[in-house]
């Protein structure tokens, strides 16, 4: 009887890097473009309120 052994390769850090970094980059681009769209249509315009004097 032949025993089949499973060879497990550990790509933990590599796999996390390959998955997480591109999605973070894409989400950053989407957020940046959406914020620019909101500001362009005057829906949300950040104001500098430093009236603590």
PDB file of N, CA and C in Angstrom:
ATOM      1  N   UNK A   1       0.838  -1.175   0.000  1.00  0.00           N
ATOM      2  CA  UNK A   1       0.000   0.000   0.000  1.00  0.00           C
ATOM      3  C   UNK A   1       0.891   1.249   0.000  1.00  0.00           C
ATOM      4  N   UNK A   2       0.570   2.131  -0.848  1.00  0.00           N
ATOM      5  CA  UNK A   2       1.397   3.328  -0.981  1.00  0.00           C
ATOM      6  C   UNK A   2       0.742   4.495  -0.254  1.00  0.00           C
ATOM      7  N   UNK A   3       1.517   5.120   0.597  1.00  0.00           N
ATOM      8  CA  UNK A   3       1.003   6.280   1.333  1.00  0.00           C
ATOM      9  C   UNK A   3       1.277   7.547   0.533  1.00  0.00           C
ATOM     10  N   UNK A   4       0.244   8.283   0.321  1.00  0.00           N
ATOM     11  CA  UNK A   4       0.412   9.563  -0.364  1.00  0.00           C
ATOM     12  C   UNK A   4       0.649  10.637   0.680  1.00  0.00           C
ATOM     13  N   UNK A   5       1.729  11.307   0.548  1.00  0.00           N
ATOM     14  CA  UNK A   5       2.017  12.389   1.487  1.00  0.00           C
ATOM     15  C   UNK A   5       1.760  13.710   0.792  1.00  0.00           C
ATOM     16  N   UNK A   6       1.127  14.581   1.517  1.00  0.00           N
ATOM     17  CA  UNK A   6       0.822  15.898   0.976  1.00  0.00           C
ATOM     18  C   UNK A   6       2.003  16.816   1.267  1.00  0.00           C
ATOM     19  N   UNK A   7       2.483  17.427   0.258  1.00  0.00           N
ATOM     20  CA  UNK A   7       3.567  18.384   0.423  1.00  0.00           C
ATOM     21  C   UNK A   7       2.930  19.756   0.512  1.00  0.00           C
ATOM     22  N   UNK A   8       3.130  20.386   1.646  1.00  0.00           N
ATOM     23  CA  UNK A   8       2.524  21.691   1.864  1.00  0.00           C
ATOM     24  C   UNK A   8       3.601  22.763   1.745  1.00  0.00           C
ATOM     25  N   UNK A   9       3.385  23.644   0.802  1.00  0.00           N
ATOM     26  CA  UNK A   9       4.316  24.751   0.650  1.00  0.00           C
ATOM     27  C   UNK A   9       3.715  25.972   1.313  1.00  0.00           C
ATOM     28  N   UNK A  10       4.531  26.649   2.026  1.00  0.00           N
ATOM     29  CA  UNK A  10       4.049  27.800   2.780  1.00  0.00           C
ATOM     30  C   UNK A  10       4.326  29.082   2.010  1.00  0.00           C
ATOM     31  N   UNK A  11       3.279  29.672   1.502  1.00  0.00           N
ATOM     32  CA  UNK A  11       3.377  30.950   0.806  1.00  0.00           C
ATOM     33  C   UNK A  11       2.618  32.012   1.586  1.00  0.00           C
ATOM     34  N   UNK A  12       2.589  31.912   2.892  1.00  0.00           N
ATOM     35  CA  UNK A  12       1.764  32.781   3.719  1.00  0.00           C
ATOM     36  C   UNK A  12       2.003  34.255   3.497  1.00  0.00           C
ATOM     37  N   UNK A  13       3.220  34.701   3.745  1.00  0.00           N
ATOM     38  CA  UNK A  13       3.530  36.130   3.615  1.00  0.00           C
ATOM     39  C   UNK A  13       3.424  36.568   2.159  1.00  0.00           C
ATOM     40  N   UNK A  14       3.901  35.754   1.257  1.00  0.00           N
ATOM     41  CA  UNK A  14       3.829  36.090  -0.168  1.00  0.00           C
ATOM     42  C   UNK A  14       2.382  36.205  -0.629  1.00  0.00           C
ATOM     43  N   UNK A  15       1.553  35.266  -0.232  1.00  0.00           N
ATOM     44  CA  UNK A  15       0.143  35.269  -0.636  1.00  0.00           C
ATOM     45  C   UNK A  15      -0.581  36.479  -0.068  1.00  0.00           C
ATOM     46  N   UNK A  16      -0.313  36.788   1.194  1.00  0.00           N
ATOM     47  CA  UNK A  16      -0.935  37.963   1.806  1.00  0.00           C
ATOM     48  C   UNK A  16      -0.518  39.226   1.067  1.00  0.00           C
ATOM     49  N   UNK A  17       0.761  39.321   0.742  1.00  0.00           N
ATOM     50  CA  UNK A  17       1.261  40.499   0.031  1.00  0.00           C
ATOM     51  C   UNK A  17       0.629  40.619  -1.350  1.00  0.00           C
ATOM     52  N   UNK A  18       0.548  39.506  -2.061  1.00  0.00           N
ATOM     53  CA  UNK A  18      -0.005  39.524  -3.419  1.00  0.00           C
ATOM     54  C   UNK A  18      -1.482  39.886  -3.413  1.00  0.00           C
ATOM     55  N   UNK A  19      -2.201  39.534  -2.373  1.00  0.00           N
ATOM     56  CA  UNK A  19      -3.632  39.821  -2.318  1.00  0.00           C
ATOM     57  C   UNK A  19      -3.902  41.199  -1.733  1.00  0.00           C
ATOM     58  N   UNK A  20      -3.250  41.542  -0.644  1.00  0.00           N
ATOM     59  CA  UNK A  20      -3.598  42.756   0.095  1.00  0.00           C
ATOM     60  C   UNK A  20      -3.105  44.024  -0.594  1.00  0.00           C
ATOM     61  N   UNK A  21      -1.872  44.054  -1.043  1.00  0.00           N
ATOM     62  CA  UNK A  21      -1.294  45.285  -1.602  1.00  0.00           C
ATOM     63  C   UNK A  21      -2.073  45.789  -2.825  1.00  0.00           C
ATOM     64  N   UNK A  22      -2.382  44.967  -3.820  1.00  0.00           N
ATOM     65  CA  UNK A  22      -3.155  45.499  -4.955  1.00  0.00           C
ATOM     66  C   UNK A  22      -4.545  45.996  -4.567  1.00  0.00           C
ATOM     67  N   UNK A  23      -5.223  45.284  -3.658  1.00  0.00           N
ATOM     68  CA  UNK A  23      -6.557  45.728  -3.261  1.00  0.00           C
ATOM     69  C   UNK A  23      -6.498  47.026  -2.472  1.00  0.00           C
ATOM     70  N   UNK A  24      -5.475  47.202  -1.634  1.00  0.00           N
ATOM     71  CA  UNK A  24      -5.317  48.480  -0.936  1.00  0.00           C
ATOM     72  C   UNK A  24      -5.078  49.606  -1.933  1.00  0.00           C
ATOM     73  N   UNK A  25      -4.265  49.350  -2.944  1.00  0.00           N
ATOM     74  CA  UNK A  25      -3.978  50.360  -3.953  1.00  0.00           C
ATOM     75  C   UNK A  25      -5.241  50.726  -4.740  1.00  0.00           C
ATOM     76  N   UNK A  26      -6.000  49.727  -5.148  1.00  0.00           N
ATOM     77  CA  UNK A  26      -7.226  49.978  -5.919  1.00  0.00           C
ATOM     78  C   UNK A  26      -8.243  50.722  -5.069  1.00  0.00           C
ATOM     79  N   UNK A  27      -8.393  50.326  -3.809  1.00  0.00           N
ATOM     80  CA  UNK A  27      -9.344  51.019  -2.933  1.00  0.00           C
ATOM     81  C   UNK A  27      -8.913  52.457  -2.685  1.00  0.00           C
ATOM     82  N   UNK A  28      -7.611  52.695  -2.611  1.00  0.00           N
ATOM     83  CA  UNK A  28      -7.119  54.057  -2.447  1.00  0.00           C
ATOM     84  C   UNK A  28      -7.460  54.902  -3.666  1.00  0.00           C
ATOM     85  N   UNK A  29      -7.273  54.349  -4.847  1.00  0.00           N
ATOM     86  CA  UNK A  29      -7.610  55.083  -6.068  1.00  0.00           C
ATOM     87  C   UNK A  29      -9.105  55.385  -6.144  1.00  0.00           C
ATOM     88  N   UNK A  30      -9.933  54.411  -5.787  1.00  0.00           N
ATOM     89  CA  UNK A  30     -11.384  54.618  -5.811  1.00  0.00           C
ATOM     90  C   UNK A  30     -11.776  55.707  -4.823  1.00  0.00           C
ATOM     91  N   UNK A  31     -11.228  55.664  -3.618  1.00  0.00           N
ATOM     92  CA  UNK A  31     -11.555  56.669  -2.604  1.00  0.00           C
ATOM     93  C   UNK A  31     -11.111  58.056  -3.037  1.00  0.00           C
ATOM     94  N   UNK A  32      -9.924  58.133  -3.605  1.00  0.00           N
ATOM     95  CA  UNK A  32      -9.392  59.420  -4.056  1.00  0.00           C
ATOM     96  C   UNK A  32     -10.270  60.013  -5.159  1.00  0.00           C
ATOM     97  N   UNK A  33     -10.657  59.178  -6.114  1.00  0.00           N
ATOM     98  CA  UNK A  33     -11.502  59.660  -7.209  1.00  0.00           C
ATOM     99  C   UNK A  33     -12.897  60.033  -6.719  1.00  0.00           C
ATOM    100  N   UNK A  34     -13.441  59.273  -5.779  1.00  0.00           N
ATOM    101  CA  UNK A  34     -14.766  59.580  -5.252  1.00  0.00           C
ATOM    102  C   UNK A  34     -14.738  60.874  -4.443  1.00  0.00           C
ATOM    103  N   UNK A  35     -13.675  61.099  -3.678  1.00  0.00           N
ATOM    104  CA  UNK A  35     -13.549  62.347  -2.927  1.00  0.00           C
ATOM    105  C   UNK A  35     -13.431  63.536  -3.875  1.00  0.00           C
ATOM    106  N   UNK A  36     -12.703  63.368  -4.961  1.00  0.00           N
ATOM    107  CA  UNK A  36     -12.590  64.441  -5.949  1.00  0.00           C
ATOM    108  C   UNK A  36     -13.941  64.717  -6.609  1.00  0.00           C
ATOM    109  N   UNK A  37     -14.712  63.668  -6.865  1.00  0.00           N
ATOM    110  CA  UNK A  37     -16.042  63.832  -7.452  1.00  0.00           C
ATOM    111  C   UNK A  37     -16.968  64.584  -6.503  1.00  0.00           C
ATOM    112  N   UNK A  38     -16.941  64.221  -5.220  1.00  0.00           N
ATOM    113  CA  UNK A  38     -17.774  64.918  -4.237  1.00  0.00           C
ATOM    114  C   UNK A  38     -17.385  66.386  -4.120  1.00  0.00           C
ATOM    115  N   UNK A  39     -16.096  66.651  -4.140  1.00  0.00           N
ATOM    116  CA  UNK A  39     -15.643  68.036  -4.029  1.00  0.00           C
ATOM    117  C   UNK A  39     -15.982  68.825  -5.290  1.00  0.00           C
ATOM    118  N   UNK A  40     -15.917  68.179  -6.437  1.00  0.00           N
ATOM    119  CA  UNK A  40     -16.229  68.844  -7.701  1.00  0.00           C
ATOM    120  C   UNK A  40     -17.692  69.265  -7.764  1.00  0.00           C
ATOM    121  N   UNK A  41     -18.571  68.462  -7.213  1.00  0.00           N
ATOM    122  CA  UNK A  41     -20.002  68.765  -7.233  1.00  0.00           C
ATOM    123  C   UNK A  41     -20.459  69.489  -5.966  1.00  0.00           C
ATOM    124  N   UNK A  42     -19.519  69.965  -5.182  1.00  0.00           N
ATOM    125  CA  UNK A  42     -19.785  70.716  -3.944  1.00  0.00           C
ATOM    126  C   UNK A  42     -20.699  69.962  -2.987  1.00  0.00           C
ATOM    127  N   UNK A  43     -20.606  68.657  -2.987  1.00  0.00           N
ATOM    128  CA  UNK A  43     -21.364  67.858  -2.028  1.00  0.00           C
ATOM    129  C   UNK A  43     -20.632  67.832  -0.700  1.00  0.00           C
ATOM    130  N   UNK A  44     -19.340  67.645  -0.766  1.00  0.00           N
ATOM    131  CA  UNK A  44     -18.516  67.661   0.440  1.00  0.00           C
ATOM    132  C   UNK A  44     -17.261  68.439   0.123  1.00  0.00           C
ATOM    133  N   UNK A  45     -17.130  69.592   0.764  1.00  0.00           N
ATOM    134  CA  UNK A  45     -15.939  70.408   0.594  1.00  0.00           C
ATOM    135  C   UNK A  45     -15.324  70.594   1.972  1.00  0.00           C
ATOM    136  N   UNK A  46     -14.159  70.023   2.203  1.00  0.00           N
ATOM    137  CA  UNK A  46     -13.534  70.183   3.521  1.00  0.00           C
ATOM    138  C   UNK A  46     -13.148  71.637   3.765  1.00  0.00           C
ATOM    139  N   UNK A  47     -13.468  72.108   4.947  1.00  0.00           N
ATOM    140  CA  UNK A  47     -13.143  73.482   5.314  1.00  0.00           C
ATOM    141  C   UNK A  47     -12.115  73.470   6.424  1.00  0.00           C
ATOM    142  N   UNK A  48     -11.329  74.502   6.458  1.00  0.00           N
ATOM    143  CA  UNK A  48     -10.303  74.619   7.489  1.00  0.00           C
ATOM    144  C   UNK A  48     -10.862  75.484   8.611  1.00  0.00           C
ATOM    145  N   UNK A  49     -11.461  74.853   9.604  1.00  0.00           N
ATOM    146  CA  UNK A  49     -12.053  75.568  10.730  1.00  0.00           C
ATOM    147  C   UNK A  49     -11.081  75.594  11.900  1.00  0.00           C
ATOM    148  N   UNK A  50     -10.279  76.632  11.942  1.00  0.00           N
ATOM    149  CA  UNK A  50      -9.357  76.823  13.061  1.00  0.00           C
ATOM    150  C   UNK A  50      -9.764  78.079  13.821  1.00  0.00           C
ATOM    151  N   UNK A  51     -10.965  78.074  14.361  1.00  0.00           N
ATOM    152  CA  UNK A  51     -11.478  79.229  15.090  1.00  0.00           C
ATOM    153  C   UNK A  51     -11.337  79.034  16.589  1.00  0.00           C
ATOM    154  N   UNK A  52     -10.245  78.446  17.016  1.00  0.00           N
ATOM    155  CA  UNK A  52     -10.036  78.186  18.436  1.00  0.00           C
ATOM    156  C   UNK A  52      -9.379  79.357  19.155  1.00  0.00           C
ATOM    157  N   UNK A  53      -9.263  80.494  18.502  1.00  0.00           N
ATOM    158  CA  UNK A  53      -8.584  81.660  19.105  1.00  0.00           C
ATOM    159  C   UNK A  53      -9.400  82.265  20.212  1.00  0.00           C
TER     160      UNK A  53
END
